[in-house]
Amino acid sequence: MKRSDFDLDLRFGQMGEIYVNHLLTAPIETVEAKRDRKWSRTGNFYIEVECWSDNTRSWYQSGINTTKATHQAFVIFDSVLIFPTERVRATVRACGSKVECSIPPNYSRGFLITPEQLLSMTANGENRAVAQQSRHPE
């Protein structure tokens, strides 16, 4: 019978606590929070990359393309998933399903990704993630 590696498991857990503490207290760390009303129905997060300007009558870079935040937080009911912004960008590049939001007055373009895709990218590394199809939006 294999015994638990309590000291290794404890250290691993403590390293997680240090990471979360650093994320919450470091002055250079910034978190942009996202809430998606459709997430519970579609299973997707919408990641904006462009917005429409009525003034210039053209699309311009926005959202994940222009954020200065180091991390992206996805609020899911009473829980939060937090990922480094670069990890979200990599997931969009590798797995995102392109979509356009044409709900006036906030026209935008973006990508749909699932929490599973974000977690897969985290577990497997951004270059080895298995691309999964996003679920279709409603």
N, C-alpha and C. Protein backbone atom coordinates (compact mmCIF):
# COMPACT_ATOMS: atom_id res chain seq x y z
N MET A 1 0.84 -1.17 0.00
CA MET A 1 0.00 0.00 0.00
C MET A 1 0.89 1.24 0.00
N LYS A 2 0.58 2.17 -0.92
CA LYS A 2 1.36 3.40 -1.03
C LYS A 2 0.90 4.41 0.01
N ARG A 3 1.84 4.99 0.67
CA ARG A 3 1.52 6.02 1.63
C ARG A 3 1.43 7.37 0.93
N SER A 4 0.69 8.26 1.50
CA SER A 4 0.55 9.61 0.97
C SER A 4 1.86 10.35 1.14
N ASP A 5 2.17 11.17 0.17
CA ASP A 5 3.34 12.03 0.26
C ASP A 5 2.91 13.35 0.88
N PHE A 6 2.54 13.30 2.16
CA PHE A 6 1.96 14.46 2.82
C PHE A 6 2.83 15.69 2.70
N ASP A 7 4.14 15.53 2.92
CA ASP A 7 5.01 16.70 2.88
C ASP A 7 5.06 17.32 1.49
N LEU A 8 5.05 16.49 0.43
CA LEU A 8 5.03 17.00 -0.93
C LEU A 8 3.68 17.64 -1.26
N ASP A 9 2.59 16.99 -0.85
CA ASP A 9 1.25 17.53 -1.09
C ASP A 9 1.06 18.84 -0.34
N LEU A 10 1.55 18.92 0.89
CA LEU A 10 1.44 20.14 1.68
C LEU A 10 2.20 21.27 0.99
N ARG A 11 3.42 21.01 0.56
CA ARG A 11 4.23 22.04 -0.11
C ARG A 11 3.55 22.49 -1.40
N PHE A 12 2.99 21.56 -2.17
CA PHE A 12 2.29 21.89 -3.41
C PHE A 12 1.10 22.81 -3.11
N GLY A 13 0.34 22.49 -2.08
CA GLY A 13 -0.78 23.33 -1.67
C GLY A 13 -0.33 24.71 -1.21
N GLN A 14 0.76 24.75 -0.47
CA GLN A 14 1.28 26.03 0.01
C GLN A 14 1.76 26.90 -1.15
N MET A 15 2.33 26.29 -2.17
CA MET A 15 2.75 27.04 -3.34
C MET A 15 1.52 27.66 -4.03
N GLY A 16 0.42 26.95 -4.04
CA GLY A 16 -0.82 27.50 -4.57
C GLY A 16 -1.30 28.68 -3.76
N GLU A 17 -1.21 28.58 -2.45
CA GLU A 17 -1.61 29.69 -1.58
C GLU A 17 -0.73 30.91 -1.82
N ILE A 18 0.55 30.70 -2.00
CA ILE A 18 1.47 31.81 -2.27
C ILE A 18 1.11 32.48 -3.59
N TYR A 19 0.81 31.70 -4.62
CA TYR A 19 0.42 32.24 -5.92
C TYR A 19 -0.84 33.10 -5.80
N VAL A 20 -1.86 32.59 -5.14
CA VAL A 20 -3.11 33.34 -4.99
C VAL A 20 -2.87 34.60 -4.17
N ASN A 21 -2.12 34.50 -3.09
CA ASN A 21 -1.81 35.68 -2.28
C ASN A 21 -1.09 36.73 -3.11
N HIS A 22 -0.13 36.30 -3.91
CA HIS A 22 0.61 37.24 -4.77
C HIS A 22 -0.34 37.90 -5.77
N LEU A 23 -1.20 37.12 -6.37
CA LEU A 23 -2.14 37.64 -7.35
C LEU A 23 -3.06 38.70 -6.73
N LEU A 24 -3.47 38.47 -5.50
CA LEU A 24 -4.41 39.38 -4.85
C LEU A 24 -3.76 40.60 -4.23
N THR A 25 -2.45 40.55 -3.99
CA THR A 25 -1.81 41.65 -3.27
C THR A 25 -0.72 42.38 -4.05
N ALA A 26 -0.20 41.80 -5.11
CA ALA A 26 0.90 42.42 -5.84
C ALA A 26 0.44 43.70 -6.53
N PRO A 27 1.17 44.79 -6.36
CA PRO A 27 0.72 46.06 -6.95
C PRO A 27 0.77 46.07 -8.48
N ILE A 28 1.58 45.23 -9.11
CA ILE A 28 1.65 45.25 -10.56
C ILE A 28 0.67 44.29 -11.22
N GLU A 29 0.05 43.43 -10.43
CA GLU A 29 -0.92 42.49 -10.99
C GLU A 29 -2.28 43.17 -11.13
N THR A 30 -2.89 43.02 -12.27
CA THR A 30 -4.22 43.58 -12.49
C THR A 30 -5.14 42.50 -13.04
N VAL A 31 -6.38 42.54 -12.62
CA VAL A 31 -7.35 41.52 -13.03
C VAL A 31 -8.56 42.22 -13.65
N GLU A 32 -8.93 41.78 -14.84
CA GLU A 32 -10.13 42.27 -15.51
C GLU A 32 -11.20 41.19 -15.35
N ALA A 33 -12.31 41.55 -14.74
CA ALA A 33 -13.38 40.58 -14.46
C ALA A 33 -14.39 40.56 -15.60
N LYS A 34 -14.84 39.35 -15.95
CA LYS A 34 -15.82 39.14 -17.00
C LYS A 34 -17.03 38.43 -16.43
N ARG A 35 -18.20 38.89 -16.83
CA ARG A 35 -19.44 38.18 -16.51
C ARG A 35 -20.21 38.05 -17.81
N ASP A 36 -20.69 36.87 -18.09
CA ASP A 36 -21.39 36.60 -19.34
C ASP A 36 -22.77 36.05 -19.02
N ARG A 37 -23.81 36.79 -19.37
CA ARG A 37 -25.18 36.37 -19.06
C ARG A 37 -25.57 35.08 -19.76
N LYS A 38 -25.02 34.84 -20.94
CA LYS A 38 -25.41 33.66 -21.72
C LYS A 38 -24.59 32.42 -21.36
N TRP A 39 -23.55 32.58 -20.59
CA TRP A 39 -22.64 31.46 -20.31
C TRP A 39 -23.38 30.22 -19.81
N SER A 40 -24.29 30.38 -18.89
CA SER A 40 -24.95 29.21 -18.30
C SER A 40 -25.81 28.46 -19.32
N ARG A 41 -26.24 29.15 -20.38
CA ARG A 41 -27.03 28.49 -21.44
C ARG A 41 -26.16 27.94 -22.56
N THR A 42 -25.10 28.68 -22.91
CA THR A 42 -24.31 28.30 -24.08
C THR A 42 -23.07 27.48 -23.74
N GLY A 43 -22.56 27.65 -22.52
CA GLY A 43 -21.32 26.98 -22.15
C GLY A 43 -20.08 27.68 -22.66
N ASN A 44 -20.25 28.87 -23.24
CA ASN A 44 -19.13 29.62 -23.82
C ASN A 44 -18.88 30.93 -23.09
N PHE A 45 -17.62 31.36 -23.14
CA PHE A 45 -17.27 32.71 -22.76
C PHE A 45 -17.04 33.48 -24.06
N TYR A 46 -17.52 34.72 -24.11
CA TYR A 46 -17.29 35.58 -25.27
C TYR A 46 -16.08 36.45 -24.98
N ILE A 47 -15.08 36.38 -25.85
CA ILE A 47 -13.86 37.16 -25.71
C ILE A 47 -13.84 38.19 -26.84
N GLU A 48 -14.05 39.44 -26.47
CA GLU A 48 -14.10 40.52 -27.47
C GLU A 48 -12.71 40.84 -27.99
N VAL A 49 -12.63 41.10 -29.32
CA VAL A 49 -11.37 41.51 -29.93
C VAL A 49 -11.49 42.81 -30.72
N GLU A 50 -12.72 43.18 -31.14
CA GLU A 50 -12.94 44.41 -31.90
C GLU A 50 -14.29 45.01 -31.56
N CYS A 51 -14.40 46.33 -31.71
CA CYS A 51 -15.65 47.06 -31.54
C CYS A 51 -15.90 47.91 -32.78
N TRP A 52 -17.17 48.22 -33.00
CA TRP A 52 -17.56 49.09 -34.10
C TRP A 52 -17.68 50.52 -33.60
N SER A 53 -17.14 51.45 -34.38
CA SER A 53 -17.26 52.86 -34.06
C SER A 53 -18.22 53.52 -35.04
N ASP A 54 -19.31 54.08 -34.53
CA ASP A 54 -20.22 54.82 -35.39
C ASP A 54 -19.57 56.11 -35.88
N ASN A 55 -18.68 56.67 -35.09
CA ASN A 55 -18.00 57.92 -35.47
C ASN A 55 -17.12 57.74 -36.70
N THR A 56 -16.29 56.71 -36.68
CA THR A 56 -15.35 56.50 -37.78
C THR A 56 -15.89 55.51 -38.81
N ARG A 57 -17.03 54.89 -38.50
CA ARG A 57 -17.64 53.89 -39.38
C ARG A 57 -16.65 52.77 -39.70
N SER A 58 -15.95 52.30 -38.66
CA SER A 58 -14.98 51.23 -38.86
C SER A 58 -14.80 50.43 -37.57
N TRP A 59 -14.18 49.27 -37.70
CA TRP A 59 -13.86 48.42 -36.56
C TRP A 59 -12.53 48.86 -35.98
N TYR A 60 -12.38 48.72 -34.66
CA TYR A 60 -11.11 49.02 -34.02
C TYR A 60 -10.82 47.96 -32.96
N GLN A 61 -9.54 47.74 -32.69
CA GLN A 61 -9.11 46.74 -31.71
C GLN A 61 -9.64 47.09 -30.33
N SER A 62 -10.07 46.07 -29.60
CA SER A 62 -10.59 46.28 -28.25
C SER A 62 -10.47 44.97 -27.47
N GLY A 63 -11.01 44.95 -26.28
CA GLY A 63 -11.07 43.73 -25.48
C GLY A 63 -9.72 43.13 -25.20
N ILE A 64 -9.60 41.84 -25.45
CA ILE A 64 -8.38 41.09 -25.13
C ILE A 64 -7.18 41.60 -25.93
N ASN A 65 -7.44 42.26 -27.07
CA ASN A 65 -6.35 42.81 -27.89
C ASN A 65 -5.72 44.06 -27.29
N THR A 66 -6.45 44.76 -26.44
CA THR A 66 -5.94 46.04 -25.93
C THR A 66 -5.81 46.10 -24.41
N THR A 67 -6.29 45.09 -23.72
CA THR A 67 -6.25 45.13 -22.26
C THR A 67 -4.82 45.19 -21.74
N LYS A 68 -4.66 45.90 -20.65
CA LYS A 68 -3.36 45.95 -19.97
C LYS A 68 -3.37 45.06 -18.73
N ALA A 69 -4.50 44.42 -18.47
CA ALA A 69 -4.62 43.54 -17.30
C ALA A 69 -3.73 42.32 -17.47
N THR A 70 -3.11 41.91 -16.37
CA THR A 70 -2.25 40.73 -16.41
C THR A 70 -3.06 39.44 -16.34
N HIS A 71 -4.29 39.52 -15.82
CA HIS A 71 -5.14 38.34 -15.66
C HIS A 71 -6.57 38.64 -16.05
N GLN A 72 -7.28 37.58 -16.45
CA GLN A 72 -8.70 37.67 -16.78
C GLN A 72 -9.44 36.77 -15.80
N ALA A 73 -10.48 37.33 -15.18
CA ALA A 73 -11.29 36.57 -14.23
C ALA A 73 -12.67 36.36 -14.83
N PHE A 74 -13.15 35.14 -14.81
CA PHE A 74 -14.47 34.80 -15.31
C PHE A 74 -15.35 34.45 -14.11
N VAL A 75 -16.35 35.29 -13.87
CA VAL A 75 -17.26 35.09 -12.74
C VAL A 75 -18.35 34.12 -13.19
N ILE A 76 -18.44 33.00 -12.49
CA ILE A 76 -19.42 31.97 -12.80
C ILE A 76 -20.25 31.75 -11.54
N PHE A 77 -21.44 32.32 -11.53
CA PHE A 77 -22.31 32.25 -10.36
C PHE A 77 -21.55 32.80 -9.14
N ASP A 78 -21.24 31.96 -8.15
CA ASP A 78 -20.53 32.45 -6.97
C ASP A 78 -19.07 31.99 -6.95
N SER A 79 -18.54 31.64 -8.13
CA SER A 79 -17.15 31.21 -8.25
C SER A 79 -16.42 32.08 -9.27
N VAL A 80 -15.10 32.03 -9.23
CA VAL A 80 -14.29 32.80 -10.16
C VAL A 80 -13.15 31.94 -10.69
N LEU A 81 -12.98 31.93 -12.01
CA LEU A 81 -11.82 31.30 -12.65
C LEU A 81 -10.90 32.43 -13.10
N ILE A 82 -9.62 32.36 -12.73
CA ILE A 82 -8.67 33.41 -13.09
C ILE A 82 -7.53 32.80 -13.90
N PHE A 83 -7.27 33.43 -15.04
CA PHE A 83 -6.21 32.96 -15.94
C PHE A 83 -5.32 34.13 -16.33
N PRO A 84 -4.03 33.88 -16.54
CA PRO A 84 -3.18 34.93 -17.09
C PRO A 84 -3.74 35.37 -18.45
N THR A 85 -3.69 36.66 -18.74
CA THR A 85 -4.23 37.18 -19.99
C THR A 85 -3.60 36.49 -21.19
N GLU A 86 -2.30 36.25 -21.13
CA GLU A 86 -1.64 35.57 -22.26
C GLU A 86 -2.20 34.18 -22.49
N ARG A 87 -2.62 33.51 -21.43
CA ARG A 87 -3.21 32.17 -21.57
C ARG A 87 -4.56 32.27 -22.29
N VAL A 88 -5.33 33.30 -21.97
CA VAL A 88 -6.62 33.51 -22.64
C VAL A 88 -6.39 33.82 -24.11
N ARG A 89 -5.43 34.69 -24.39
CA ARG A 89 -5.11 35.01 -25.79
C ARG A 89 -4.69 33.76 -26.57
N ALA A 90 -3.86 32.93 -25.95
CA ALA A 90 -3.42 31.69 -26.61
C ALA A 90 -4.59 30.75 -26.85
N THR A 91 -5.52 30.68 -25.91
CA THR A 91 -6.69 29.82 -26.07
C THR A 91 -7.56 30.33 -27.21
N VAL A 92 -7.75 31.63 -27.31
CA VAL A 92 -8.52 32.21 -28.41
C VAL A 92 -7.86 31.85 -29.74
N ARG A 93 -6.54 32.00 -29.83
CA ARG A 93 -5.83 31.68 -31.09
C ARG A 93 -5.96 30.20 -31.44
N ALA A 94 -5.84 29.33 -30.46
CA ALA A 94 -5.83 27.90 -30.72
C ALA A 94 -7.21 27.29 -30.88
N CYS A 95 -8.17 27.77 -30.13
CA CYS A 95 -9.45 27.08 -30.02
C CYS A 95 -10.68 27.94 -30.29
N GLY A 96 -10.53 29.24 -30.37
CA GLY A 96 -11.69 30.12 -30.44
C GLY A 96 -12.52 29.95 -31.69
N SER A 97 -13.82 30.10 -31.54
CA SER A 97 -14.76 30.10 -32.65
C SER A 97 -15.19 31.54 -32.88
N LYS A 98 -14.88 32.07 -34.08
CA LYS A 98 -15.16 33.46 -34.39
C LYS A 98 -16.66 33.72 -34.41
N VAL A 99 -17.05 34.88 -33.85
CA VAL A 99 -18.46 35.25 -33.80
C VAL A 99 -18.57 36.77 -33.80
N GLU A 100 -19.68 37.27 -34.34
CA GLU A 100 -19.94 38.71 -34.34
C GLU A 100 -21.19 38.98 -33.53
N CYS A 101 -21.11 39.96 -32.67
CA CYS A 101 -22.25 40.37 -31.85
C CYS A 101 -22.88 41.59 -32.51
N SER A 102 -24.11 41.43 -32.98
CA SER A 102 -24.76 42.54 -33.69
C SER A 102 -25.96 43.06 -32.91
N ILE A 103 -25.81 43.14 -31.60
CA ILE A 103 -26.87 43.67 -30.74
C ILE A 103 -26.61 45.16 -30.54
N PRO A 104 -27.49 46.02 -31.09
CA PRO A 104 -27.28 47.47 -30.95
C PRO A 104 -27.32 47.89 -29.49
N PRO A 105 -26.60 48.89 -29.11
CA PRO A 105 -25.68 49.70 -29.91
C PRO A 105 -24.24 49.23 -29.80
N ASN A 106 -24.01 48.07 -29.21
CA ASN A 106 -22.65 47.62 -28.90
C ASN A 106 -22.18 46.53 -29.83
N TYR A 107 -22.00 46.85 -31.10
CA TYR A 107 -21.53 45.87 -32.07
C TYR A 107 -20.08 45.51 -31.75
N SER A 108 -19.80 44.21 -31.77
CA SER A 108 -18.43 43.78 -31.50
C SER A 108 -18.15 42.46 -32.21
N ARG A 109 -16.90 42.15 -32.31
CA ARG A 109 -16.44 40.87 -32.85
C ARG A 109 -15.61 40.20 -31.77
N GLY A 110 -15.67 38.89 -31.78
CA GLY A 110 -14.90 38.17 -30.79
C GLY A 110 -14.84 36.69 -31.07
N PHE A 111 -14.54 35.96 -30.04
CA PHE A 111 -14.42 34.51 -30.14
C PHE A 111 -15.13 33.87 -28.96
N LEU A 112 -15.66 32.69 -29.20
CA LEU A 112 -16.24 31.89 -28.14
C LEU A 112 -15.22 30.84 -27.72
N ILE A 113 -15.03 30.72 -26.42
CA ILE A 113 -14.20 29.65 -25.87
C ILE A 113 -14.93 29.07 -24.67
N THR A 114 -14.62 27.85 -24.35
CA THR A 114 -15.26 27.19 -23.22
C THR A 114 -14.31 27.18 -22.02
N PRO A 115 -14.87 27.05 -20.82
CA PRO A 115 -14.00 26.89 -19.65
C PRO A 115 -13.09 25.68 -19.81
N GLU A 116 -13.60 24.62 -20.42
CA GLU A 116 -12.79 23.41 -20.62
C GLU A 116 -11.58 23.69 -21.49
N GLN A 117 -11.76 24.53 -22.52
CA GLN A 117 -10.63 24.88 -23.38
C GLN A 117 -9.57 25.66 -22.59
N LEU A 118 -10.01 26.60 -21.77
CA LEU A 118 -9.07 27.35 -20.94
C LEU A 118 -8.32 26.42 -19.99
N LEU A 119 -9.06 25.51 -19.38
CA LEU A 119 -8.42 24.57 -18.46
C LEU A 119 -7.49 23.61 -19.19
N SER A 120 -7.87 23.20 -20.39
CA SER A 120 -7.02 22.32 -21.19
C SER A 120 -5.71 23.02 -21.54
N MET A 121 -5.81 24.29 -21.92
CA MET A 121 -4.60 25.05 -22.25
C MET A 121 -3.71 25.18 -21.02
N THR A 122 -4.31 25.33 -19.86
CA THR A 122 -3.55 25.45 -18.62
C THR A 122 -2.87 24.12 -18.28
N ALA A 123 -3.62 23.04 -18.40
CA ALA A 123 -3.08 21.72 -18.03
C ALA A 123 -2.04 21.23 -19.02
N ASN A 124 -2.23 21.51 -20.30
CA ASN A 124 -1.37 20.95 -21.34
C ASN A 124 -0.33 21.92 -21.87
N GLY A 125 -0.37 23.15 -21.45
CA GLY A 125 0.54 24.15 -22.01
C GLY A 125 -0.07 24.71 -23.27
N GLU A 126 0.19 25.98 -23.54
CA GLU A 126 -0.51 26.64 -24.63
C GLU A 126 -0.18 26.08 -26.00
N ASN A 127 0.95 25.43 -26.19
CA ASN A 127 1.29 24.90 -27.50
C ASN A 127 0.84 23.46 -27.71
N ARG A 128 0.38 22.81 -26.65
CA ARG A 128 0.00 21.41 -26.78
C ARG A 128 -1.48 21.17 -26.53
N ALA A 129 -2.25 22.22 -26.42
CA ALA A 129 -3.67 22.07 -26.09
C ALA A 129 -4.41 21.37 -27.22
N VAL A 130 -5.35 20.56 -26.84
CA VAL A 130 -6.21 19.91 -27.81
C VAL A 130 -7.35 20.87 -28.12
N ALA A 131 -7.43 21.29 -29.37
CA ALA A 131 -8.49 22.23 -29.76
C ALA A 131 -9.82 21.48 -29.79
N GLN A 132 -10.78 22.02 -29.05
CA GLN A 132 -12.13 21.47 -29.02
C GLN A 132 -13.05 22.47 -29.68
N GLN A 133 -14.13 22.01 -30.27
CA GLN A 133 -15.11 22.92 -30.86
C GLN A 133 -15.86 23.63 -29.74
N SER A 134 -16.05 24.93 -29.90
CA SER A 134 -16.92 25.66 -28.98
C SER A 134 -18.35 25.25 -29.27
N ARG A 135 -19.15 25.30 -28.23
CA ARG A 135 -20.57 25.03 -28.42
C ARG A 135 -21.18 26.17 -29.19
N HIS A 136 -22.24 25.89 -29.94
CA HIS A 136 -22.88 26.93 -30.75
C HIS A 136 -23.63 27.92 -29.87
N PRO A 137 -23.53 29.21 -30.19
CA PRO A 137 -24.27 30.22 -29.41
C PRO A 137 -25.75 30.10 -29.68
N GLU A 138 -26.53 30.64 -28.76
CA GLU A 138 -27.98 30.62 -28.97
C GLU A 138 -28.38 31.69 -29.93
